[in-house]
N, C-alpha and C. Protein backbone atom coordinates (compact mmCIF):
# COMPACT_ATOMS: atom_id res chain seq x y z
N GLU A 1 -15.28 -19.78 6.30
CA GLU A 1 -16.46 -20.08 5.52
C GLU A 1 -17.57 -18.75 4.97
N ALA A 2 -17.85 -18.57 6.04
CA ALA A 2 -19.66 -17.26 5.97
C ALA A 2 -18.57 -16.43 5.63
N GLU A 3 -17.51 -15.96 6.32
CA GLU A 3 -17.03 -14.58 5.98
C GLU A 3 -16.48 -14.70 4.51
N LEU A 4 -15.77 -15.81 3.98
CA LEU A 4 -15.28 -15.32 2.80
C LEU A 4 -16.63 -15.51 1.60
N GLU A 5 -17.79 -16.26 2.10
CA GLU A 5 -18.89 -16.29 1.11
C GLU A 5 -19.70 -14.72 1.03
N GLN A 6 -19.38 -13.95 2.32
CA GLN A 6 -19.99 -12.63 2.71
C GLN A 6 -19.22 -11.33 1.85
N GLY A 7 -17.75 -12.01 1.40
CA GLY A 7 -16.86 -10.61 0.94
C GLY A 7 -16.30 -10.23 1.99
N LEU A 8 -16.00 -10.48 3.19
CA LEU A 8 -15.14 -10.29 4.26
C LEU A 8 -13.55 -10.82 4.19
N LYS A 9 -13.65 -11.68 3.30
CA LYS A 9 -12.20 -11.72 3.48
C LYS A 9 -11.55 -12.09 1.84
N LYS A 10 -11.98 -10.74 1.08
CA LYS A 10 -11.21 -10.88 -0.49
C LYS A 10 -10.87 -9.64 0.12
N PRO A 11 -9.81 -9.60 -0.64
CA PRO A 11 -9.07 -7.72 -0.74
C PRO A 11 -10.01 -6.85 -1.56
N THR A 12 -10.33 -5.66 -0.68
CA THR A 12 -10.86 -4.45 -0.92
C THR A 12 -10.21 -3.66 -1.97
N PRO A 13 -10.86 -2.91 -2.15
CA PRO A 13 -11.25 -2.18 -3.51
C PRO A 13 -9.39 -1.21 -3.51
N ALA A 14 -9.37 -0.96 -2.00
CA ALA A 14 -7.76 -0.49 -2.16
C ALA A 14 -6.63 -1.25 -2.20
N HIS A 15 -6.56 -2.83 -1.62
CA HIS A 15 -5.67 -3.98 -2.16
C HIS A 15 -5.68 -3.94 -3.90
N GLN A 16 -6.97 -3.98 -4.54
CA GLN A 16 -6.87 -4.20 -5.71
C GLN A 16 -6.37 -2.75 -6.45
N VAL A 17 -6.44 -1.70 -5.98
CA VAL A 17 -5.63 -0.26 -7.12
C VAL A 17 -4.29 -0.51 -6.63
N ILE A 18 -3.98 -0.83 -5.34
CA ILE A 18 -1.97 -1.35 -4.51
C ILE A 18 -1.75 -2.02 -5.75
N ALA A 19 -2.64 -2.93 -6.08
CA ALA A 19 -1.87 -4.24 -6.88
C ALA A 19 -2.07 -3.88 -8.15
N ARG A 20 -2.74 -2.76 -8.48
CA ARG A 20 -2.82 -2.41 -10.39
C ARG A 20 -1.28 -1.71 -10.17
N LEU A 21 -1.59 -0.69 -9.19
CA LEU A 21 0.05 0.14 -9.39
C LEU A 21 1.08 -0.44 -9.19
N VAL A 22 1.34 -1.61 -8.82
CA VAL A 22 2.19 -2.49 -8.47
C VAL A 22 2.88 -2.76 -9.82
N SER A 23 1.88 -2.96 -10.71
CA SER A 23 1.87 -3.73 -11.91
C SER A 23 2.36 -3.02 -13.23
N LYS A 24 2.19 -1.28 -12.73
CA LYS A 24 3.03 -0.51 -13.88
C LYS A 24 3.97 0.07 -12.60
N GLY A 25 4.73 -0.24 -11.68
CA GLY A 25 5.80 -0.45 -11.58
C GLY A 25 5.78 0.83 -10.30
N TYR A 26 4.65 1.75 -10.38
CA TYR A 26 4.58 2.44 -9.23
C TYR A 26 4.61 2.21 -7.53
N VAL A 27 4.68 0.59 -7.17
CA VAL A 27 4.53 0.54 -6.26
C VAL A 27 5.90 -0.65 -5.89
N ARG A 28 6.80 -0.74 -4.79
CA ARG A 28 7.71 -1.68 -5.01
C ARG A 28 7.78 -2.14 -3.98
N VAL A 29 7.53 -1.86 -3.05
CA VAL A 29 7.80 -2.68 -1.53
C VAL A 29 6.16 -2.28 -0.84
N ILE A 30 5.70 -3.18 -0.02
CA ILE A 30 4.41 -2.82 0.69
C ILE A 30 4.57 -3.37 2.62
N LEU A 31 4.77 -2.54 2.99
CA LEU A 31 5.01 -2.69 4.46
C LEU A 31 3.52 -2.54 4.98
N THR A 32 3.62 -3.97 5.80
CA THR A 32 1.51 -4.08 6.17
C THR A 32 1.96 -4.81 8.00
N THR A 33 0.80 -4.39 8.45
CA THR A 33 1.28 -4.55 9.85
C THR A 33 0.29 -5.47 9.83
N SER A 34 -0.88 -5.90 8.81
CA SER A 34 -1.81 -6.84 8.76
C SER A 34 -1.26 -8.73 8.95
N LEU A 35 -1.81 -9.27 9.63
CA LEU A 35 -1.51 -10.81 9.92
C LEU A 35 -1.88 -11.49 8.59
N ASP A 36 -3.31 -10.77 7.63
CA ASP A 36 -3.98 -11.45 6.53
C ASP A 36 -3.23 -11.82 5.41
N ARG A 37 -3.49 -12.49 4.24
CA ARG A 37 -2.89 -12.40 3.07
C ARG A 37 -3.62 -11.23 1.70
N LEU A 38 -4.41 -10.69 2.27
CA LEU A 38 -5.43 -9.71 1.25
C LEU A 38 -4.45 -9.44 0.34
N MET A 39 -3.28 -8.55 0.14
CA MET A 39 -2.55 -8.17 -0.10
C MET A 39 -1.84 -8.97 -1.00
N GLU A 40 -1.77 -9.78 -1.00
CA GLU A 40 -0.89 -11.18 -1.80
C GLU A 40 -1.78 -11.76 -2.52
N ASN A 41 -3.33 -11.95 -1.97
CA ASN A 41 -4.07 -12.32 -3.05
C ASN A 41 -4.70 -10.92 -4.22
N ALA A 42 -4.62 -9.79 -3.81
CA ALA A 42 -4.59 -8.82 -4.88
C ALA A 42 -3.86 -9.21 -5.97
N LEU A 43 -2.34 -9.07 -5.18
CA LEU A 43 -1.15 -9.51 -6.53
C LEU A 43 -1.28 -10.52 -7.17
N ARG A 44 -1.67 -11.57 -6.29
CA ARG A 44 -1.90 -13.19 -7.42
C ARG A 44 -3.19 -12.94 -8.62
N CYS A 45 -3.92 -12.12 -7.92
CA CYS A 45 -5.33 -12.22 -8.69
C CYS A 45 -5.01 -11.63 -10.45
N ILE A 46 -4.11 -10.84 -10.10
CA ILE A 46 -3.74 -9.50 -11.19
C ILE A 46 -2.10 -10.77 -12.09
N GLY A 47 -1.91 -11.50 -11.92
CA GLY A 47 -0.80 -12.48 -11.80
C GLY A 47 1.01 -11.96 -11.35
N ILE A 48 0.31 -11.09 -10.65
CA ILE A 48 1.92 -10.96 -9.70
C ILE A 48 2.22 -12.05 -8.24
N GLU A 49 3.14 -12.32 -8.80
CA GLU A 49 3.82 -13.14 -7.51
C GLU A 49 5.04 -12.35 -6.59
N PRO A 50 4.38 -11.90 -5.20
CA PRO A 50 5.37 -10.73 -4.41
C PRO A 50 6.47 -11.89 -3.96
N VAL A 51 7.10 -11.30 -3.61
CA VAL A 51 8.26 -12.06 -2.65
C VAL A 51 7.96 -11.49 -1.14
N VAL A 52 8.03 -12.66 -0.16
CA VAL A 52 6.49 -12.41 0.80
C VAL A 52 7.71 -12.46 1.91
N ILE A 53 8.22 -11.67 3.02
CA ILE A 53 8.80 -11.65 4.03
C ILE A 53 7.90 -11.48 5.46
N SER A 54 7.45 -12.69 5.93
CA SER A 54 6.81 -12.46 7.07
C SER A 54 7.36 -12.98 8.89
N CYS A 55 8.89 -13.10 8.51
CA CYS A 55 9.51 -13.23 9.56
C CYS A 55 11.14 -13.01 9.49
N PRO A 56 11.57 -12.36 10.21
CA PRO A 56 13.01 -12.28 10.05
C PRO A 56 13.77 -13.42 9.42
N SER A 57 13.80 -14.67 9.17
CA SER A 57 14.95 -15.53 8.99
C SER A 57 14.12 -15.62 7.21
N HIS A 58 12.92 -15.31 7.06
CA HIS A 58 13.16 -14.99 5.45
C HIS A 58 14.06 -13.74 4.79
N ILE A 59 14.59 -12.76 5.59
CA ILE A 59 14.85 -11.38 5.32
C ILE A 59 16.34 -11.73 4.29
N VAL A 60 17.06 -13.33 5.01
CA VAL A 60 18.54 -13.58 4.25
C VAL A 60 18.17 -14.61 3.10
N ASN A 61 16.82 -15.07 3.09
CA ASN A 61 16.39 -15.59 2.01
C ASN A 61 16.13 -16.01 0.94
N SER A 62 15.11 -14.48 1.24
CA SER A 62 14.42 -14.01 -0.18
C SER A 62 15.46 -13.34 -1.05
N LEU A 63 14.78 -12.98 -1.95
CA LEU A 63 15.08 -11.77 -3.54
C LEU A 63 15.35 -10.65 -2.59
N PRO A 64 16.84 -9.83 -3.53
CA PRO A 64 16.73 -8.65 -2.61
C PRO A 64 15.83 -7.97 -3.30
N ILE A 65 15.06 -6.77 -2.42
CA ILE A 65 14.39 -6.21 -2.72
C ILE A 65 14.50 -4.82 -4.21
N VAL A 66 16.13 -5.10 -4.32
CA VAL A 66 16.20 -4.11 -5.57
C VAL A 66 15.97 -5.36 -6.91
N HIS A 67 15.47 -6.09 -6.42
CA HIS A 67 15.69 -6.97 -7.60
C HIS A 67 14.09 -7.67 -7.69
N ALA A 68 13.36 -7.51 -6.70
CA ALA A 68 11.86 -8.39 -6.88
C ALA A 68 11.01 -7.16 -7.62
N ARG A 69 10.14 -7.40 -8.39
CA ARG A 69 9.08 -6.39 -9.00
C ARG A 69 8.23 -6.16 -7.79
N VAL A 70 7.97 -6.60 -6.51
CA VAL A 70 7.12 -6.13 -5.47
C VAL A 70 7.82 -6.73 -4.27
N THR A 71 7.66 -6.57 -3.35
CA THR A 71 8.03 -7.11 -1.99
C THR A 71 7.17 -6.50 -1.06
N VAL A 72 6.87 -7.55 -0.39
CA VAL A 72 5.57 -7.33 0.43
C VAL A 72 6.39 -7.95 1.90
N ILE A 73 6.09 -6.99 3.13
CA ILE A 73 6.96 -7.09 4.08
C ILE A 73 5.71 -6.95 4.99
N LYS A 74 5.58 -7.98 5.98
CA LYS A 74 4.61 -8.34 6.60
C LYS A 74 5.52 -8.06 7.87
N ILE A 75 5.37 -7.13 8.63
CA ILE A 75 6.13 -6.35 9.86
C ILE A 75 5.69 -7.66 10.73
N ASN A 76 4.18 -7.87 11.40
CA ASN A 76 4.08 -8.44 12.63
C ASN A 76 3.67 -10.48 12.36
N GLY A 77 3.65 -10.49 10.97
CA GLY A 77 4.10 -11.94 10.89
C GLY A 77 2.55 -12.08 9.37
N ASP A 78 2.86 -13.68 9.65
CA ASP A 78 1.64 -14.17 8.75
C ASP A 78 0.89 -14.88 9.81
N TYR A 79 -0.83 -15.12 9.69
CA TYR A 79 -1.36 -15.63 10.33
C TYR A 79 -1.37 -17.45 10.24
N ILE A 80 -0.81 -17.47 9.49
CA ILE A 80 -0.90 -19.00 9.26
C ILE A 80 0.46 -19.41 10.01
N ASP A 81 1.29 -18.36 10.23
CA ASP A 81 2.98 -19.26 10.84
C ASP A 81 2.61 -19.00 12.81
N SER A 82 2.59 -19.43 13.02
CA SER A 82 2.61 -19.57 14.87
C SER A 82 3.75 -18.33 15.25
N SER A 83 4.97 -18.27 14.36
CA SER A 83 5.53 -17.10 14.82
C SER A 83 5.19 -15.56 14.99
N PHE A 84 4.20 -15.21 14.56
CA PHE A 84 3.46 -14.05 14.30
C PHE A 84 4.00 -13.04 15.41
N LEU A 85 3.75 -11.93 15.66
CA LEU A 85 3.59 -11.30 16.79
C LEU A 85 2.42 -10.46 17.13
N ASN A 86 1.62 -11.03 18.26
CA ASN A 86 0.36 -10.58 18.51
C ASN A 86 -0.14 -10.08 19.21
N ILE A 87 0.87 -9.98 20.43
CA ILE A 87 0.61 -9.51 21.81
C ILE A 87 1.60 -7.87 21.65
N LYS A 88 0.97 -7.00 22.45
CA LYS A 88 2.08 -6.19 22.99
C LYS A 88 3.79 -6.31 23.04
N SER A 89 3.79 -7.47 24.10
CA SER A 89 4.89 -7.67 24.44
C SER A 89 5.95 -8.19 23.66
N GLU A 90 5.21 -8.98 22.46
CA GLU A 90 5.63 -9.60 21.48
C GLU A 90 6.34 -8.48 20.01
N ALA A 91 5.62 -7.78 20.40
CA ALA A 91 6.29 -6.72 19.65
C ALA A 91 7.14 -5.29 19.41
N ASP A 92 6.97 -4.97 21.10
CA ASP A 92 8.12 -4.32 22.11
C ASP A 92 9.45 -3.95 20.89
N LYS A 93 10.34 -5.15 20.52
CA LYS A 93 11.34 -5.08 20.00
C LYS A 93 11.88 -6.24 18.71
N TYR A 94 11.32 -5.25 17.48
CA TYR A 94 12.14 -5.99 16.09
C TYR A 94 13.18 -6.90 16.93
N GLU A 95 13.85 -8.04 16.00
CA GLU A 95 14.47 -8.19 15.34
C GLU A 95 15.69 -7.38 14.97
N GLU A 96 16.85 -7.35 15.04
CA GLU A 96 17.65 -6.96 14.37
C GLU A 96 17.40 -6.66 13.18
N ARG A 97 17.36 -7.89 12.34
CA ARG A 97 17.35 -8.22 10.96
C ARG A 97 16.12 -7.67 10.34
N LEU A 98 15.20 -7.30 10.89
CA LEU A 98 13.95 -6.67 10.36
C LEU A 98 14.43 -5.17 10.75
N SER A 99 14.86 -4.84 11.87
CA SER A 99 14.61 -3.38 11.87
C SER A 99 15.92 -2.75 10.60
N GLU A 100 16.73 -3.29 10.58
CA GLU A 100 17.29 -2.76 9.72
C GLU A 100 16.74 -2.76 8.13
N LEU A 101 16.03 -3.88 7.79
CA LEU A 101 15.28 -3.62 6.76
C LEU A 101 14.16 -2.73 6.86
N LEU A 102 13.43 -2.79 8.14
CA LEU A 102 12.77 -1.62 7.71
C LEU A 102 13.65 -0.10 8.08
N ARG A 103 14.81 0.07 8.27
CA ARG A 103 15.69 1.43 8.19
C ARG A 103 16.01 1.57 6.48
N TYR A 104 16.22 0.38 5.87
CA TYR A 104 16.53 0.45 4.49
C TYR A 104 15.32 0.72 3.43
N VAL A 105 14.37 0.04 4.27
CA VAL A 105 13.10 0.74 3.07
C VAL A 105 12.79 2.29 3.34
N SER A 106 13.39 2.51 4.67
CA SER A 106 12.29 3.78 4.82
C SER A 106 13.30 5.03 4.22
N ASP A 107 15.05 4.64 4.20
CA ASP A 107 15.88 5.59 3.85
C ASP A 107 15.58 5.38 2.27
N ASN A 108 15.53 4.55 1.40
CA ASN A 108 15.43 4.00 -0.01
C ASN A 108 13.80 4.22 -0.60
N PHE A 109 13.08 4.14 0.28
CA PHE A 109 11.65 4.28 -0.84
C PHE A 109 10.94 5.65 -0.12
N GLY A 110 10.11 6.00 -1.09
CA GLY A 110 8.60 6.95 -0.78
C GLY A 110 7.66 6.34 0.14
N LEU A 111 6.94 6.89 1.33
CA LEU A 111 6.06 6.42 2.06
C LEU A 111 4.80 6.64 2.02
N ILE A 112 4.03 6.15 1.71
CA ILE A 112 2.51 6.49 1.90
C ILE A 112 1.78 5.84 3.19
N THR A 113 1.42 6.07 4.42
CA THR A 113 0.60 5.12 5.51
C THR A 113 -0.84 5.62 4.78
N CYS A 114 -1.28 4.59 5.09
CA CYS A 114 -2.98 4.51 5.34
C CYS A 114 -3.50 3.32 6.16
N GLY A 115 -4.53 3.99 7.43
CA GLY A 115 -4.99 2.91 8.35
C GLY A 115 -4.15 3.13 9.35
N TRP A 116 -2.81 3.71 9.30
CA TRP A 116 -2.18 3.05 10.31
C TRP A 116 -2.10 4.87 11.50
N SER A 117 -2.00 4.96 12.63
CA SER A 117 -1.90 5.84 13.70
C SER A 117 -0.46 6.38 13.84
N ALA A 118 0.39 5.23 14.19
CA ALA A 118 1.74 5.49 14.61
C ALA A 118 0.99 5.64 16.06
N GLU A 119 0.14 4.86 16.41
CA GLU A 119 0.30 4.98 18.18
C GLU A 119 0.33 3.82 18.69
N SER A 120 0.03 3.13 17.99
CA SER A 120 -0.16 1.68 18.65
C SER A 120 1.18 0.83 18.80
N ASP A 121 1.91 1.42 17.54
CA ASP A 121 3.48 0.26 17.02
C ASP A 121 4.34 1.48 16.70
N SER A 122 4.84 1.93 18.29
CA SER A 122 5.83 2.23 18.41
C SER A 122 7.40 2.44 17.97
N VAL A 123 7.45 0.52 18.00
CA VAL A 123 8.93 0.00 17.74
C VAL A 123 8.94 0.48 15.98
N LEU A 124 7.48 0.24 14.96
CA LEU A 124 7.66 0.52 14.06
C LEU A 124 7.85 2.12 13.90
N LYS A 125 6.77 2.75 14.24
CA LYS A 125 7.48 4.30 14.75
C LYS A 125 9.02 4.88 14.30
N GLU A 126 9.44 3.43 15.54
CA GLU A 126 10.89 4.26 15.92
C GLU A 126 11.96 4.28 14.64
N ALA A 127 11.43 2.60 13.88
CA ALA A 127 12.14 2.59 12.88
C ALA A 127 12.50 3.55 11.77
N LEU A 128 11.20 3.98 11.70
CA LEU A 128 11.08 5.31 10.98
C LEU A 128 11.49 6.39 10.72
N GLU A 129 11.57 6.71 12.71
CA GLU A 129 12.16 8.04 12.59
C GLU A 129 13.60 8.38 12.52
N THR A 130 14.12 7.03 13.00
CA THR A 130 15.50 6.71 12.73
C THR A 130 16.52 6.70 11.70
N SER A 131 15.39 6.48 10.15
CA SER A 131 16.10 7.22 9.29
C SER A 131 16.02 8.93 9.00
N ASN A 132 17.28 8.99 8.54
CA ASN A 132 17.65 10.10 8.24
C ASN A 132 17.71 10.62 6.71
N LYS A 133 17.98 10.31 5.86
CA LYS A 133 17.86 10.23 4.41
C LYS A 133 16.30 10.30 3.54
N PHE A 134 15.66 11.54 3.06
CA PHE A 134 14.21 11.46 2.97
C PHE A 134 14.13 11.79 1.66
N ARG A 135 14.71 10.73 0.74
CA ARG A 135 15.48 10.79 -1.25
C ARG A 135 13.73 11.16 -1.81
N PHE A 136 12.66 10.56 -0.84
CA PHE A 136 11.42 10.43 -1.35
C PHE A 136 10.44 10.74 -0.70
N SER A 137 8.89 11.30 -1.15
CA SER A 137 7.99 11.86 -0.49
C SER A 137 7.57 11.06 0.24
N ASN A 138 6.93 11.52 1.02
CA ASN A 138 6.30 10.54 2.52
C ASN A 138 4.92 11.36 2.72
N TYR A 139 4.12 10.59 2.78
CA TYR A 139 2.64 11.23 2.87
C TYR A 139 1.84 10.02 3.61
N PHE A 140 1.22 11.02 5.01
CA PHE A 140 0.61 10.38 6.26
C PHE A 140 -1.00 10.73 6.05
N THR A 141 -1.72 9.60 6.32
CA THR A 141 -3.25 9.58 6.02
C THR A 141 -4.01 9.56 7.30
N TYR A 142 -4.55 10.10 7.75
CA TYR A 142 -6.10 9.92 8.43
C TYR A 142 -7.51 10.45 8.03
N SER A 143 -8.44 9.52 9.09
CA SER A 143 -9.37 9.65 8.11
C SER A 143 -10.66 10.54 9.44
N ASP A 144 -10.10 9.96 10.92
CA ASP A 144 -10.83 10.93 11.71
C ASP A 144 -10.37 12.01 12.07
N GLN A 145 -9.31 11.90 13.25
CA GLN A 145 -8.78 13.22 13.33
C GLN A 145 -7.01 12.62 13.82
N LEU A 146 -6.49 13.48 13.23
CA LEU A 146 -4.99 13.53 13.38
C LEU A 146 -4.33 13.39 14.42
N GLY A 147 -3.78 12.58 15.01
CA GLY A 147 -3.28 12.00 16.22
C GLY A 147 -1.79 12.80 16.48
N ASN A 148 -1.43 12.78 17.36
CA ASN A 148 0.17 13.32 17.48
C ASN A 148 1.14 12.54 17.24
N GLU A 149 1.15 11.46 17.41
CA GLU A 149 2.14 10.54 16.96
C GLU A 149 2.12 10.90 15.43
N LEU A 150 1.57 10.43 14.55
CA LEU A 150 1.65 10.25 13.14
C LEU A 150 2.12 11.85 13.39
N GLU A 151 1.36 12.73 12.98
CA GLU A 151 1.70 14.18 13.08
C GLU A 151 3.38 14.44 13.80
N GLU A 152 3.79 13.93 14.57
CA GLU A 152 5.00 13.73 15.00
C GLU A 152 5.88 13.08 13.75
N LEU A 153 5.31 12.00 13.23
CA LEU A 153 6.18 11.21 12.80
C LEU A 153 5.96 12.02 11.54
N ALA A 154 5.45 12.53 10.46
CA ALA A 154 5.32 13.36 9.61
C ALA A 154 6.33 14.14 9.73
N TYR A 155 6.11 14.80 10.75
CA TYR A 155 7.47 16.57 10.96
C TYR A 155 8.82 15.88 10.81
N ILE A 156 9.25 14.84 11.44
CA ILE A 156 10.32 14.16 11.33
C ILE A 156 11.15 13.56 10.41
N ARG A 157 9.77 13.01 9.29
CA ARG A 157 10.26 12.61 8.44
C ARG A 157 10.07 13.50 7.05
N ARG A 158 9.73 14.93 7.73
CA ARG A 158 9.50 15.78 6.33
C ARG A 158 8.42 15.58 5.54
N GLY A 159 7.44 15.12 5.82
CA GLY A 159 6.52 14.65 5.55
C GLY A 159 5.37 14.97 5.24
N LYS A 160 4.01 14.98 4.66
CA LYS A 160 2.57 15.87 4.30
C LYS A 160 1.55 14.67 4.98
N VAL A 161 0.87 15.38 5.86
CA VAL A 161 -0.23 14.33 6.53
C VAL A 161 -1.64 15.15 5.98
N LEU A 162 -2.48 14.20 5.28
CA LEU A 162 -3.13 14.32 4.29
C LEU A 162 -4.84 13.99 5.09
N SER A 163 -5.65 14.31 5.27
CA SER A 163 -7.27 13.90 5.57
C SER A 163 -7.52 12.93 4.46
N VAL A 164 -8.33 11.54 4.68
CA VAL A 164 -8.98 10.75 3.85
C VAL A 164 -10.09 10.72 4.03
N ARG A 165 -11.26 10.42 3.51
CA ARG A 165 -12.44 9.46 4.01
C ARG A 165 -12.57 8.31 4.61
N ASP A 166 -11.84 7.48 3.54
CA ASP A 166 -11.00 6.16 4.15
C ASP A 166 -10.32 5.88 2.99
N THR A 167 -10.01 4.24 3.31
CA THR A 167 -8.80 3.74 2.28
C THR A 167 -9.15 3.61 1.20
N ASP A 168 -10.17 2.56 0.89
CA ASP A 168 -11.05 2.78 -0.44
C ASP A 168 -10.86 4.02 -1.52
N SER A 169 -11.28 5.15 -0.91
CA SER A 169 -11.44 5.96 -1.84
C SER A 169 -10.73 6.83 -1.78
N PHE A 170 -9.56 6.90 -0.85
CA PHE A 170 -7.57 7.43 -1.18
C PHE A 170 -7.18 6.44 -1.77
N PHE A 171 -7.44 5.92 -2.07
CA PHE A 171 -6.48 4.58 -3.15
C PHE A 171 -7.23 5.20 -4.94
N LYS A 172 -8.20 4.56 -4.96
CA LYS A 172 -9.31 5.38 -5.50
C LYS A 172 -9.00 6.10 -6.18
N GLU A 173 -8.79 7.80 -5.72
CA GLU A 173 -8.84 8.62 -6.13
C GLU A 173 -6.65 8.82 -6.54
N LEU A 174 -5.96 8.22 -5.82
CA LEU A 174 -4.48 8.14 -6.42
C LEU A 174 -4.72 7.47 -7.74
N GLN A 175 -5.70 6.17 -7.73
CA GLN A 175 -5.19 6.38 -9.15
C GLN A 175 -5.73 6.79 -10.41
N GLN A 176 -6.64 7.73 -9.89
CA GLN A 176 -7.23 8.53 -10.92
C GLN A 176 -6.22 9.45 -11.60
N LYS A 177 -5.57 9.84 -10.37
CA LYS A 177 -4.39 10.83 -10.41
C LYS A 177 -3.18 10.69 -11.67
N VAL A 178 -2.64 9.16 -10.97
CA VAL A 178 -1.88 8.53 -11.32
C VAL A 178 -2.32 8.18 -12.87
N GLU A 179 -3.52 7.90 -13.37
CA GLU A 179 -3.78 8.00 -14.59
C GLU A 179 -3.70 8.84 -15.71
N ALA A 180 -4.38 10.15 -15.19
CA ALA A 180 -4.33 11.36 -15.36
C ALA A 180 -3.02 11.69 -15.83
N LEU A 181 -2.09 11.69 -15.18
CA LEU A 181 -0.47 11.95 -15.23
C LEU A 181 -0.05 11.00 -16.69
N GLU A 182 -0.16 10.20 -16.45
CA GLU A 182 -0.19 9.08 -17.33
C GLU A 182 -0.45 9.34 -19.16
N ASN A 183 -1.76 10.01 -19.15
CA ASN A 183 -2.49 10.32 -20.07
C ASN A 183 -1.93 11.54 -19.89
N ALA A 184 -1.40 12.13 -19.48
CA ALA A 184 -0.34 13.45 -20.24
C ALA A 184 0.50 13.69 -20.78
N ARG A 185 1.25 12.39 -20.73
CA ARG A 185 2.92 12.33 -21.11
C ARG A 185 2.14 12.84 -22.93
N PRO A 186 3.25 13.29 -23.26
CA PRO A 186 3.15 13.57 -24.59
C PRO A 186 3.38 12.12 -25.83
N SER A 187 3.03 11.51 -26.59
CA SER A 187 3.52 10.13 -26.86
C SER A 187 4.82 10.32 -27.81
N ALA A 188 5.28 9.61 -27.79
CA ALA A 188 6.87 8.95 -28.48
C ALA A 188 6.86 8.89 -29.77
């Protein structure tokens, strides 16, 4: 309750920008290692109900990604569900359904990572490395120092690494660039 009152349990400006990009159709899939519901809350605040996959059994029973406005894939689970992956030994290997879904997403969608170093999530890094289709762009952001793991992943996926000040300012700048491109379109 105290953290909620202090604004610590509310969607950040980055969550809010991502939600607006979803509302305009620029973002269709969100992968997150976070256990919280801040992304889902940001989407709901603007009237978008996401398809949420927070455990492998949801994969079979949820609306296919191609038919959903947005799908939030919570790789490590949801904090309310006791089956979330919390310690390293639990996250050392994903169930095959989740691995297949991650390969599908990495083959068929562009990727922007933010706040993820690729160092502690070796299984996720491996899932992204095994993709051999690079139809869309891949961007890997870092704020302090570019680590070897993230740099290697960017090289494998033919992506670009970007130095950013912080997540909120990166997504705000991204939104401004998207809006500038929208405004530059000739009227029909």
